[in-house]
Amino acid sequence: MASQFPLARTAIAEPEEDLTERPAWTLSGWAALLVAVALLVTGMSLVGRSLSVLSEPGGIPRPLLIVGVVLLVVGAAISRGVLSINPGEAVVLRLGGTYIGTARRAGLKWVYPTNRRTRVSTRIRNHETGMLKVNDADGNPIEIAAAVVWRVGDAARALLAVDDYAAYVRVQAEASVRHVASGYPYDAGARDDPSLRSSPVEINRELSDEIASRVTAAGITVLEARLTRLAYAPEIAQAMLRVQQANAVVAARHRIVEGAVGMVELALDRLSADAVVELDEERKAAMVGNLLVVLCSDRDPQPVVNAGTLY
């Protein structure tokens, strides 16, 4: 169903700096850990041997002590670069304020010890907006809420392009719900136009696209968005309920009259075809009136026996 109420989406400014995620350079963390342990053990052994000969003639073997200290420093630096990445998270690496890359593959990795590491969860998240009061396209106040399923698609943008990406999603989701709700009527009534109540598939798709276009700058991927609550505001709920009830009664009466007319036509055609009785125009009019009263009445008919004639 094509929307009769096209919504103009607000363009969200892209970050000035190119912060598109790129893979970081990493090495096997297990190999780096083994090397670090070996260096630390060797360095401690050399330093211990050097300190043990303090009281012996000849003094401290300075070259051996220096080598031991250097091995300890190098081993500590290598162990500092060992990084454990859990499933469902990405680690953004920075050096001196410059974005270096993002490590996503789970496991034990090794990166430069001087890199600053920030973990970003890439798991699927749910966000449900609070109850929002919005005026629909007809100006009627309604209460509306929506649930958004999202995840971090670009960890670099999520961390560096916005101040708080989770709060950014919350604000943009509420803004999108207000924008979409104000572009459609709550109920189109007898019209074939899309509405919030009668076109849930179209509305949910429009809402998903609206939120996705707003949060792309923050590296967020919207998986799904759908309305979870839709109702008239309390101040007009009773009045709109009476309108809906009146429309339902009119529609039901319309169907009853259509069915009654069809049954009367069928009865007259069968009587004429089977030559059961000959009816002039006046008798047909009386019969049609009686049948319509019986068929359209909302109460059980009371039979009346006519002992005379029509004339």
C-alpha atoms as a PDB file:
ATOM      1  CA  MET A   1       0.000   0.000   0.000  1.00  0.00           C
ATOM      2  CA  ALA A   2       1.564   3.257  -1.058  1.00  0.00           C
ATOM      3  CA  SER A   3       1.668   5.971   1.554  1.00  0.00           C
ATOM      4  CA  GLN A   4      -0.489   9.000   0.879  1.00  0.00           C
ATOM      5  CA  PHE A   5       1.385  10.978   3.507  1.00  0.00           C
ATOM      6  CA  PRO A   6       5.048  11.132   2.414  1.00  0.00           C
ATOM      7  CA  LEU A   7       7.346  12.102   5.244  1.00  0.00           C
ATOM      8  CA  ALA A   8      10.363  14.327   4.700  1.00  0.00           C
ATOM      9  CA  ARG A   9      13.273  12.879   6.627  1.00  0.00           C
ATOM     10  CA  THR A  10      15.724  15.179   8.353  1.00  0.00           C
ATOM     11  CA  ALA A  11      19.267  14.701   7.132  1.00  0.00           C
ATOM     12  CA  ILE A  12      21.732  13.948   9.940  1.00  0.00           C
ATOM     13  CA  ALA A  13      25.145  15.546   9.512  1.00  0.00           C
ATOM     14  CA  GLU A  14      28.007  13.110   8.983  1.00  0.00           C
ATOM     15  CA  PRO A  15      31.120  13.353  11.181  1.00  0.00           C
ATOM     16  CA  GLU A  16      33.696  15.779   9.798  1.00  0.00           C
ATOM     17  CA  GLU A  17      36.503  13.255  10.263  1.00  0.00           C
ATOM     18  CA  ASP A  18      36.540   9.932   8.417  1.00  0.00           C
ATOM     19  CA  LEU A  19      35.940   7.448  11.227  1.00  0.00           C
ATOM     20  CA  THR A  20      34.919   4.411   9.196  1.00  0.00           C
ATOM     21  CA  GLU A  21      35.888   1.243  11.017  1.00  0.00           C
ATOM     22  CA  ARG A  22      38.934  -0.638   9.734  1.00  0.00           C
ATOM     23  CA  PRO A  23      40.615  -3.782  11.061  1.00  0.00           C
ATOM     24  CA  ALA A  24      43.530  -3.295  13.445  1.00  0.00           C
ATOM     25  CA  TRP A  25      46.891  -5.013  13.083  1.00  0.00           C
ATOM     26  CA  THR A  26      47.178  -7.806  15.645  1.00  0.00           C
ATOM     27  CA  LEU A  27      49.321 -10.864  16.382  1.00  0.00           C
ATOM     28  CA  SER A  28      48.629 -14.115  18.176  1.00  0.00           C
ATOM     29  CA  GLY A  29      48.206 -13.388  21.848  1.00  0.00           C
ATOM     30  CA  TRP A  30      49.244 -16.876  22.948  1.00  0.00           C
ATOM     31  CA  ALA A  31      52.637 -16.605  21.236  1.00  0.00           C
ATOM     32  CA  ALA A  32      53.192 -13.142  22.699  1.00  0.00           C
ATOM     33  CA  LEU A  33      52.221 -14.420  26.146  1.00  0.00           C
ATOM     34  CA  LEU A  34      54.744 -17.285  25.948  1.00  0.00           C
ATOM     35  CA  VAL A  35      57.500 -14.898  24.875  1.00  0.00           C
ATOM     36  CA  ALA A  36      56.626 -12.475  27.676  1.00  0.00           C
ATOM     37  CA  VAL A  37      56.682 -15.246  30.301  1.00  0.00           C
ATOM     38  CA  ALA A  38      60.016 -16.533  29.017  1.00  0.00           C
ATOM     39  CA  LEU A  39      61.555 -13.050  29.120  1.00  0.00           C
ATOM     40  CA  LEU A  40      60.231 -12.349  32.602  1.00  0.00           C
ATOM     41  CA  VAL A  41      61.483 -15.645  33.987  1.00  0.00           C
ATOM     42  CA  THR A  42      64.913 -15.189  32.394  1.00  0.00           C
ATOM     43  CA  GLY A  43      65.164 -11.589  33.532  1.00  0.00           C
ATOM     44  CA  MET A  44      64.253 -12.437  37.130  1.00  0.00           C
ATOM     45  CA  SER A  45      66.773 -15.257  37.095  1.00  0.00           C
ATOM     46  CA  LEU A  46      69.578 -12.969  35.909  1.00  0.00           C
ATOM     47  CA  VAL A  47      68.688 -10.238  38.400  1.00  0.00           C
ATOM     48  CA  GLY A  48      68.540 -12.825  41.193  1.00  0.00           C
ATOM     49  CA  ARG A  49      71.982 -14.205  40.307  1.00  0.00           C
ATOM     50  CA  SER A  50      73.395 -10.696  40.226  1.00  0.00           C
ATOM     51  CA  LEU A  51      71.999  -9.778  43.636  1.00  0.00           C
ATOM     52  CA  SER A  52      73.162 -13.051  45.188  1.00  0.00           C
ATOM     53  CA  VAL A  53      76.837 -12.159  44.665  1.00  0.00           C
ATOM     54  CA  LEU A  54      76.602  -8.808  46.442  1.00  0.00           C
ATOM     55  CA  SER A  55      78.718  -9.967  49.334  1.00  0.00           C
ATOM     56  CA  GLU A  56      81.177 -11.977  47.255  1.00  0.00           C
ATOM     57  CA  PRO A  57      84.554 -10.577  46.213  1.00  0.00           C
ATOM     58  CA  GLY A  58      84.483  -8.957  42.815  1.00  0.00           C
ATOM     59  CA  GLY A  59      81.224  -7.060  43.359  1.00  0.00           C
ATOM     60  CA  ILE A  60      78.032  -7.160  41.307  1.00  0.00           C
ATOM     61  CA  PRO A  61      78.290  -8.391  37.703  1.00  0.00           C
ATOM     62  CA  ARG A  62      76.914  -5.236  36.152  1.00  0.00           C
ATOM     63  CA  PRO A  63      76.409  -6.511  32.543  1.00  0.00           C
ATOM     64  CA  LEU A  64      74.379  -9.461  33.828  1.00  0.00           C
ATOM     65  CA  LEU A  65      72.232  -7.168  35.988  1.00  0.00           C
ATOM     66  CA  ILE A  66      71.620  -4.762  33.095  1.00  0.00           C
ATOM     67  CA  VAL A  67      70.589  -7.598  30.760  1.00  0.00           C
ATOM     68  CA  GLY A  68      68.218  -8.961  33.416  1.00  0.00           C
ATOM     69  CA  VAL A  69      66.567  -5.574  33.921  1.00  0.00           C
ATOM     70  CA  VAL A  70      66.200  -5.064  30.166  1.00  0.00           C
ATOM     71  CA  LEU A  71      64.578  -8.505  29.801  1.00  0.00           C
ATOM     72  CA  LEU A  72      62.144  -7.684  32.606  1.00  0.00           C
ATOM     73  CA  VAL A  73      61.171  -4.381  30.989  1.00  0.00           C
ATOM     74  CA  VAL A  74      60.705  -5.962  27.559  1.00  0.00           C
ATOM     75  CA  GLY A  75      58.725  -8.876  28.986  1.00  0.00           C
ATOM     76  CA  ALA A  76      56.454  -6.502  30.910  1.00  0.00           C
ATOM     77  CA  ALA A  77      55.887  -4.400  27.774  1.00  0.00           C
ATOM     78  CA  ILE A  78      55.008  -7.462  25.696  1.00  0.00           C
ATOM     79  CA  SER A  79      52.608  -8.746  28.347  1.00  0.00           C
ATOM     80  CA  ARG A  80      51.024  -5.287  28.448  1.00  0.00           C
ATOM     81  CA  GLY A  81      50.094  -5.705  24.773  1.00  0.00           C
ATOM     82  CA  VAL A  82      48.209  -8.981  25.289  1.00  0.00           C
ATOM     83  CA  LEU A  83      44.498  -8.369  24.717  1.00  0.00           C
ATOM     84  CA  SER A  84      41.577 -10.704  25.390  1.00  0.00           C
ATOM     85  CA  ILE A  85      38.544 -10.114  23.140  1.00  0.00           C
ATOM     86  CA  ASN A  86      35.238 -11.655  24.179  1.00  0.00           C
ATOM     87  CA  PRO A  87      32.532 -12.797  21.730  1.00  0.00           C
ATOM     88  CA  GLY A  88      30.071 -10.004  20.985  1.00  0.00           C
ATOM     89  CA  GLU A  89      32.460  -7.103  21.497  1.00  0.00           C
ATOM     90  CA  ALA A  90      34.932  -4.985  19.559  1.00  0.00           C
ATOM     91  CA  VAL A  91      38.026  -3.191  20.845  1.00  0.00           C
ATOM     92  CA  VAL A  92      38.779   0.242  19.404  1.00  0.00           C
ATOM     93  CA  LEU A  93      42.513   1.078  19.390  1.00  0.00           C
ATOM     94  CA  ARG A  94      43.887   4.625  19.544  1.00  0.00           C
ATOM     95  CA  LEU A  95      47.379   6.034  19.767  1.00  0.00           C
ATOM     96  CA  GLY A  96      48.024   9.644  20.700  1.00  0.00           C
ATOM     97  CA  GLY A  97      44.450  10.642  19.868  1.00  0.00           C
ATOM     98  CA  THR A  98      44.572   8.965  16.435  1.00  0.00           C
ATOM     99  CA  TYR A  99      42.267   6.116  15.526  1.00  0.00           C
ATOM    100  CA  ILE A 100      44.377   3.036  14.725  1.00  0.00           C
ATOM    101  CA  GLY A 101      41.817   0.320  14.034  1.00  0.00           C
ATOM    102  CA  THR A 102      39.296  -2.060  15.558  1.00  0.00           C
ATOM    103  CA  ALA A 103      39.885  -5.629  16.710  1.00  0.00           C
ATOM    104  CA  ARG A 104      36.764  -7.777  16.474  1.00  0.00           C
ATOM    105  CA  ARG A 105      37.852 -11.404  16.267  1.00  0.00           C
ATOM    106  CA  ALA A 106      37.346 -13.118  19.611  1.00  0.00           C
ATOM    107  CA  GLY A 107      40.355 -14.682  21.315  1.00  0.00           C
ATOM    108  CA  LEU A 108      43.740 -13.689  22.718  1.00  0.00           C
ATOM    109  CA  LYS A 109      45.478 -11.052  20.577  1.00  0.00           C
ATOM    110  CA  TRP A 110      48.561  -8.901  20.833  1.00  0.00           C
ATOM    111  CA  VAL A 111      48.611  -5.202  19.949  1.00  0.00           C
ATOM    112  CA  TYR A 112      51.058  -2.394  20.518  1.00  0.00           C
ATOM    113  CA  PRO A 113      51.384  -1.849  24.275  1.00  0.00           C
ATOM    114  CA  THR A 114      51.074   1.918  23.836  1.00  0.00           C
ATOM    115  CA  ASN A 115      47.650   1.698  22.169  1.00  0.00           C
ATOM    116  CA  ARG A 116      44.675   2.917  24.163  1.00  0.00           C
ATOM    117  CA  ARG A 117      41.965   0.240  24.122  1.00  0.00           C
ATOM    118  CA  THR A 118      38.223   0.819  24.519  1.00  0.00           C
ATOM    119  CA  ARG A 119      35.729  -2.037  24.478  1.00  0.00           C
ATOM    120  CA  VAL A 120      32.415  -1.616  22.649  1.00  0.00           C
ATOM    121  CA  SER A 121      29.629  -4.192  22.890  1.00  0.00           C
ATOM    122  CA  THR A 122      28.316  -5.394  19.520  1.00  0.00           C
ATOM    123  CA  ARG A 123      25.536  -7.538  20.986  1.00  0.00           C
ATOM    124  CA  ILE A 124      21.918  -7.015  19.933  1.00  0.00           C
ATOM    125  CA  ARG A 125      20.074  -4.586  22.212  1.00  0.00           C
ATOM    126  CA  ASN A 126      16.459  -3.585  22.771  1.00  0.00           C
ATOM    127  CA  HIS A 127      15.216  -0.104  23.492  1.00  0.00           C
ATOM    128  CA  GLU A 128      11.604   0.741  24.243  1.00  0.00           C
ATOM    129  CA  THR A 129      10.614   4.363  24.084  1.00  0.00           C
ATOM    130  CA  GLY A 130       8.543   5.815  26.858  1.00  0.00           C
ATOM    131  CA  MET A 131       4.889   6.667  26.368  1.00  0.00           C
ATOM    132  CA  LEU A 132       4.811   9.649  24.020  1.00  0.00           C
ATOM    133  CA  LYS A 133       1.866  11.982  23.440  1.00  0.00           C
ATOM    134  CA  VAL A 134       1.723  13.122  19.816  1.00  0.00           C
ATOM    135  CA  ASN A 135      -0.825  14.761  17.522  1.00  0.00           C
ATOM    136  CA  ASP A 136      -1.578  12.577  14.509  1.00  0.00           C
ATOM    137  CA  ALA A 137      -2.121  13.891  10.961  1.00  0.00           C
ATOM    138  CA  ASP A 138      -5.741  14.807  11.839  1.00  0.00           C
ATOM    139  CA  GLY A 139      -4.659  16.745  14.921  1.00  0.00           C
ATOM    140  CA  ASN A 140      -5.955  14.175  17.422  1.00  0.00           C
ATOM    141  CA  PRO A 141      -3.749  13.614  20.484  1.00  0.00           C
ATOM    142  CA  ILE A 142      -2.607   9.988  20.729  1.00  0.00           C
ATOM    143  CA  GLU A 143      -0.358   7.957  23.001  1.00  0.00           C
ATOM    144  CA  ILE A 144       2.291   5.929  21.206  1.00  0.00           C
ATOM    145  CA  ALA A 145       5.356   3.851  22.061  1.00  0.00           C
ATOM    146  CA  ALA A 146       7.771   1.726  20.056  1.00  0.00           C
ATOM    147  CA  ALA A 147      10.466  -0.917  20.541  1.00  0.00           C
ATOM    148  CA  VAL A 148      13.744  -0.705  18.620  1.00  0.00           C
ATOM    149  CA  VAL A 149      16.143  -3.627  18.106  1.00  0.00           C
ATOM    150  CA  TRP A 150      19.644  -2.393  17.307  1.00  0.00           C
ATOM    151  CA  ARG A 151      23.322  -3.172  17.510  1.00  0.00           C
ATOM    152  CA  VAL A 152      26.643  -1.408  16.962  1.00  0.00           C
ATOM    153  CA  GLY A 153      27.660  -1.914  13.340  1.00  0.00           C
ATOM    154  CA  ASP A 154      30.664   0.430  13.232  1.00  0.00           C
ATOM    155  CA  ALA A 155      32.467   0.518  16.575  1.00  0.00           C
ATOM    156  CA  ALA A 156      34.725   3.418  15.574  1.00  0.00           C
ATOM    157  CA  ARG A 157      31.808   5.705  14.730  1.00  0.00           C
ATOM    158  CA  ALA A 158      29.835   4.616  17.797  1.00  0.00           C
ATOM    159  CA  LEU A 159      32.712   5.518  20.103  1.00  0.00           C
ATOM    160  CA  LEU A 160      34.247   8.535  18.373  1.00  0.00           C
ATOM    161  CA  ALA A 161      31.506  10.174  16.284  1.00  0.00           C
ATOM    162  CA  VAL A 162      29.019  10.764  19.135  1.00  0.00           C
ATOM    163  CA  ASP A 163      29.371  11.417  22.834  1.00  0.00           C
ATOM    164  CA  ASP A 164      27.151   8.524  24.028  1.00  0.00           C
ATOM    165  CA  TYR A 165      25.817   6.214  21.331  1.00  0.00           C
ATOM    166  CA  ALA A 166      23.227   4.528  23.586  1.00  0.00           C
ATOM    167  CA  ALA A 167      21.739   7.898  24.575  1.00  0.00           C
ATOM    168  CA  TYR A 168      21.914   8.965  20.923  1.00  0.00           C
ATOM    169  CA  VAL A 169      19.789   5.963  19.912  1.00  0.00           C
ATOM    170  CA  ARG A 170      17.228   6.771  22.620  1.00  0.00           C
ATOM    171  CA  VAL A 171      16.825  10.377  21.542  1.00  0.00           C
ATOM    172  CA  GLN A 172      16.678   9.624  17.817  1.00  0.00           C
ATOM    173  CA  ALA A 173      14.196   6.776  18.338  1.00  0.00           C
ATOM    174  CA  GLU A 174      11.790   9.078  20.188  1.00  0.00           C
ATOM    175  CA  ALA A 175      12.208  11.781  17.548  1.00  0.00           C
ATOM    176  CA  SER A 176      11.472   9.256  14.790  1.00  0.00           C
ATOM    177  CA  VAL A 177       8.353   7.949  16.545  1.00  0.00           C
ATOM    178  CA  ARG A 178       7.019  11.496  16.887  1.00  0.00           C
ATOM    179  CA  HIS A 179       7.797  12.287  13.252  1.00  0.00           C
ATOM    180  CA  VAL A 180       6.154   9.144  11.844  1.00  0.00           C
ATOM    181  CA  ALA A 181       3.104   9.388  14.136  1.00  0.00           C
ATOM    182  CA  SER A 182       2.458  12.994  13.125  1.00  0.00           C
ATOM    183  CA  GLY A 183       2.428  12.045   9.427  1.00  0.00           C
ATOM    184  CA  TYR A 184      -0.438   9.527   9.557  1.00  0.00           C
ATOM    185  CA  PRO A 185      -3.962   9.606  11.003  1.00  0.00           C
ATOM    186  CA  TYR A 186      -4.794   7.273  13.857  1.00  0.00           C
ATOM    187  CA  ASP A 187      -7.642   5.728  11.856  1.00  0.00           C
ATOM    188  CA  ALA A 188      -8.541   6.458   8.244  1.00  0.00           C
ATOM    189  CA  GLY A 189     -12.155   5.391   8.765  1.00  0.00           C
ATOM    190  CA  ALA A 190     -13.910   4.648   5.482  1.00  0.00           C
ATOM    191  CA  ARG A 191     -10.952   5.965   3.467  1.00  0.00           C
ATOM    192  CA  ASP A 192      -8.369   3.636   1.954  1.00  0.00           C
ATOM    193  CA  ASP A 193      -5.460   5.804   3.092  1.00  0.00           C
ATOM    194  CA  PRO A 194      -2.831   4.188   5.341  1.00  0.00           C
ATOM    195  CA  SER A 195      -3.196   4.895   9.034  1.00  0.00           C
ATOM    196  CA  LEU A 196      -1.400   4.051  12.256  1.00  0.00           C
ATOM    197  CA  ARG A 197      -4.107   1.569  13.220  1.00  0.00           C
ATOM    198  CA  SER A 198      -4.885  -0.133   9.919  1.00  0.00           C
ATOM    199  CA  SER A 199      -1.416  -0.265   8.319  1.00  0.00           C
ATOM    200  CA  PRO A 200       0.980  -1.702  10.929  1.00  0.00           C
ATOM    201  CA  VAL A 201       3.353  -3.272   8.389  1.00  0.00           C
ATOM    202  CA  GLU A 202       3.837  -0.034   6.448  1.00  0.00           C
ATOM    203  CA  ILE A 203       4.133   2.047   9.600  1.00  0.00           C
ATOM    204  CA  ASN A 204       6.735  -0.279  11.175  1.00  0.00           C
ATOM    205  CA  ARG A 205       8.773  -0.288   7.971  1.00  0.00           C
ATOM    206  CA  GLU A 206       8.606   3.504   7.752  1.00  0.00           C
ATOM    207  CA  LEU A 207       9.643   3.769  11.404  1.00  0.00           C
ATOM    208  CA  SER A 208      12.597   1.393  10.923  1.00  0.00           C
ATOM    209  CA  ASP A 209      13.826   3.342   7.905  1.00  0.00           C
ATOM    210  CA  GLU A 210      13.414   6.647   9.740  1.00  0.00           C
ATOM    211  CA  ILE A 211      15.422   5.534  12.782  1.00  0.00           C
ATOM    212  CA  ALA A 212      18.084   3.866  10.624  1.00  0.00           C
ATOM    213  CA  SER A 213      18.630   7.045   8.625  1.00  0.00           C
ATOM    214  CA  ARG A 214      19.083   9.038  11.834  1.00  0.00           C
ATOM    215  CA  VAL A 215      21.558   6.734  13.630  1.00  0.00           C
ATOM    216  CA  THR A 216      23.776   5.799  10.669  1.00  0.00           C
ATOM    217  CA  ALA A 217      26.153   8.638  11.550  1.00  0.00           C
ATOM    218  CA  ALA A 218      26.787   6.925  14.903  1.00  0.00           C
ATOM    219  CA  GLY A 219      27.560   3.541  13.335  1.00  0.00           C
ATOM    220  CA  ILE A 220      24.333   1.949  14.589  1.00  0.00           C
ATOM    221  CA  THR A 221      22.467  -0.747  12.655  1.00  0.00           C
ATOM    222  CA  VAL A 222      18.702  -0.931  13.234  1.00  0.00           C
ATOM    223  CA  LEU A 223      17.418  -4.508  12.932  1.00  0.00           C
ATOM    224  CA  GLU A 224      13.741  -3.853  13.633  1.00  0.00           C
ATOM    225  CA  ALA A 225      11.369  -1.227  14.964  1.00  0.00           C
ATOM    226  CA  ARG A 226       7.692  -1.651  15.694  1.00  0.00           C
ATOM    227  CA  LEU A 227       4.921   0.089  17.601  1.00  0.00           C
ATOM    228  CA  THR A 228       4.149  -1.455  20.989  1.00  0.00           C
ATOM    229  CA  ARG A 229       1.308   0.825  22.085  1.00  0.00           C
ATOM    230  CA  LEU A 230      -1.169   2.958  20.187  1.00  0.00           C
ATOM    231  CA  ALA A 231      -4.221   4.609  21.725  1.00  0.00           C
ATOM    232  CA  TYR A 232      -6.095   7.868  21.807  1.00  0.00           C
ATOM    233  CA  ALA A 233      -5.138  10.231  24.607  1.00  0.00           C
ATOM    234  CA  PRO A 234      -7.424  10.001  27.666  1.00  0.00           C
ATOM    235  CA  GLU A 235      -9.018  13.416  27.036  1.00  0.00           C
ATOM    236  CA  ILE A 236     -10.567  12.284  23.735  1.00  0.00           C
ATOM    237  CA  ALA A 237     -10.664   8.506  24.203  1.00  0.00           C
ATOM    238  CA  GLN A 238     -14.358   8.378  25.195  1.00  0.00           C
ATOM    239  CA  ALA A 239     -15.460  10.656  22.380  1.00  0.00           C
ATOM    240  CA  MET A 240     -13.503   8.695  19.777  1.00  0.00           C
ATOM    241  CA  LEU A 241     -14.874   5.439  21.173  1.00  0.00           C
ATOM    242  CA  ARG A 242     -18.411   6.685  20.579  1.00  0.00           C
ATOM    243  CA  VAL A 243     -17.443   7.663  17.029  1.00  0.00           C
ATOM    244  CA  GLN A 244     -16.030   4.195  16.396  1.00  0.00           C
ATOM    245  CA  GLN A 245     -19.131   2.551  17.848  1.00  0.00           C
ATOM    246  CA  ALA A 246     -21.388   4.714  15.661  1.00  0.00           C
ATOM    247  CA  ASN A 247     -19.344   3.833  12.585  1.00  0.00           C
ATOM    248  CA  ALA A 248     -19.563   0.146  13.469  1.00  0.00           C
ATOM    249  CA  VAL A 249     -23.355   0.347  13.879  1.00  0.00           C
ATOM    250  CA  VAL A 250     -23.752   2.141  10.548  1.00  0.00           C
ATOM    251  CA  ALA A 251     -21.542  -0.407   8.786  1.00  0.00           C
ATOM    252  CA  ALA A 252     -23.476  -3.297  10.337  1.00  0.00           C
ATOM    253  CA  ARG A 253     -26.821  -1.783   9.314  1.00  0.00           C
ATOM    254  CA  HIS A 254     -25.498  -1.268   5.814  1.00  0.00           C
ATOM    255  CA  ARG A 255     -24.599  -4.942   5.543  1.00  0.00           C
ATOM    256  CA  ILE A 256     -27.957  -6.005   6.966  1.00  0.00           C
ATOM    257  CA  VAL A 257     -29.880  -3.871   4.452  1.00  0.00           C
ATOM    258  CA  GLU A 258     -27.800  -5.217   1.557  1.00  0.00           C
ATOM    259  CA  GLY A 259     -28.500  -8.774   2.663  1.00  0.00           C
ATOM    260  CA  ALA A 260     -32.201  -8.110   3.205  1.00  0.00           C
ATOM    261  CA  VAL A 261     -32.615  -6.581  -0.260  1.00  0.00           C
ATOM    262  CA  GLY A 262     -30.924  -9.590  -1.807  1.00  0.00           C
ATOM    263  CA  MET A 263     -33.177 -11.996   0.083  1.00  0.00           C
ATOM    264  CA  VAL A 264     -36.313 -10.083  -0.965  1.00  0.00           C
ATOM    265  CA  GLU A 265     -35.212 -10.150  -4.614  1.00  0.00           C
ATOM    266  CA  LEU A 266     -34.561 -13.878  -4.353  1.00  0.00           C
ATOM    267  CA  ALA A 267     -37.978 -14.507  -2.774  1.00  0.00           C
ATOM    268  CA  LEU A 268     -39.859 -12.541  -5.433  1.00  0.00           C
ATOM    269  CA  ASP A 269     -37.936 -14.252  -8.245  1.00  0.00           C
ATOM    270  CA  ARG A 270     -38.651 -17.706  -6.828  1.00  0.00           C
ATOM    271  CA  LEU A 271     -42.336 -16.984  -6.339  1.00  0.00           C
ATOM    272  CA  SER A 272     -42.626 -15.759  -9.900  1.00  0.00           C
ATOM    273  CA  ALA A 273     -40.568 -18.601 -11.371  1.00  0.00           C
ATOM    274  CA  ASP A 274     -42.466 -21.344  -9.527  1.00  0.00           C
ATOM    275  CA  ALA A 275     -45.847 -19.663 -10.132  1.00  0.00           C
ATOM    276  CA  VAL A 276     -46.723 -20.063  -6.491  1.00  0.00           C
ATOM    277  CA  VAL A 277     -48.867 -16.959  -6.368  1.00  0.00           C
ATOM    278  CA  GLU A 278     -49.724 -14.096  -8.677  1.00  0.00           C
ATOM    279  CA  LEU A 279     -48.863 -10.733  -7.119  1.00  0.00           C
ATOM    280  CA  ASP A 280     -49.732  -7.346  -8.526  1.00  0.00           C
ATOM    281  CA  GLU A 281     -47.527  -4.307  -7.880  1.00  0.00           C
ATOM    282  CA  GLU A 282     -49.390  -3.281  -4.740  1.00  0.00           C
ATOM    283  CA  ARG A 283     -49.132  -6.782  -3.210  1.00  0.00           C
ATOM    284  CA  LYS A 284     -45.437  -6.916  -4.118  1.00  0.00           C
ATOM    285  CA  ALA A 285     -44.873  -3.578  -2.415  1.00  0.00           C
ATOM    286  CA  ALA A 286     -46.627  -4.787   0.726  1.00  0.00           C
ATOM    287  CA  MET A 287     -44.661  -8.037   0.707  1.00  0.00           C
ATOM    288  CA  VAL A 288     -41.359  -6.217   0.215  1.00  0.00           C
ATOM    289  CA  GLY A 289     -42.159  -3.871   3.104  1.00  0.00           C
ATOM    290  CA  ASN A 290     -43.044  -6.735   5.422  1.00  0.00           C
ATOM    291  CA  LEU A 291     -39.931  -8.737   4.526  1.00  0.00           C
ATOM    292  CA  LEU A 292     -37.643  -5.748   4.996  1.00  0.00           C
ATOM    293  CA  VAL A 293     -39.159  -5.013   8.401  1.00  0.00           C
ATOM    294  CA  VAL A 294     -38.646  -8.630   9.449  1.00  0.00           C
ATOM    295  CA  LEU A 295     -35.126  -8.951   8.090  1.00  0.00           C
ATOM    296  CA  CYS A 296     -33.791  -5.546   9.171  1.00  0.00           C
ATOM    297  CA  SER A 297     -35.347  -5.446  12.627  1.00  0.00           C
ATOM    298  CA  ASP A 298     -33.062  -5.961  15.619  1.00  0.00           C
ATOM    299  CA  ARG A 299     -35.881  -7.738  17.486  1.00  0.00           C
ATOM    300  CA  ASP A 300     -37.743 -10.965  16.864  1.00  0.00           C
ATOM    301  CA  PRO A 301     -40.815 -10.324  14.655  1.00  0.00           C
ATOM    302  CA  GLN A 302     -44.325 -10.875  16.020  1.00  0.00           C
ATOM    303  CA  PRO A 303     -46.517 -12.678  13.436  1.00  0.00           C
ATOM    304  CA  VAL A 304     -49.887 -11.149  12.564  1.00  0.00           C
ATOM    305  CA  VAL A 305     -52.518 -13.297  10.847  1.00  0.00           C
ATOM    306  CA  ASN A 306     -54.464 -11.424   8.180  1.00  0.00           C
ATOM    307  CA  ALA A 307     -57.998 -12.894   8.036  1.00  0.00           C
ATOM    308  CA  GLY A 308     -59.231 -10.504   5.365  1.00  0.00           C
ATOM    309  CA  THR A 309     -57.938  -9.325   2.037  1.00  0.00           C
ATOM    310  CA  LEU A 310     -55.668  -6.562   1.010  1.00  0.00           C
ATOM    311  CA  TYR A 311     -58.612  -4.645  -0.586  1.00  0.00           C
END
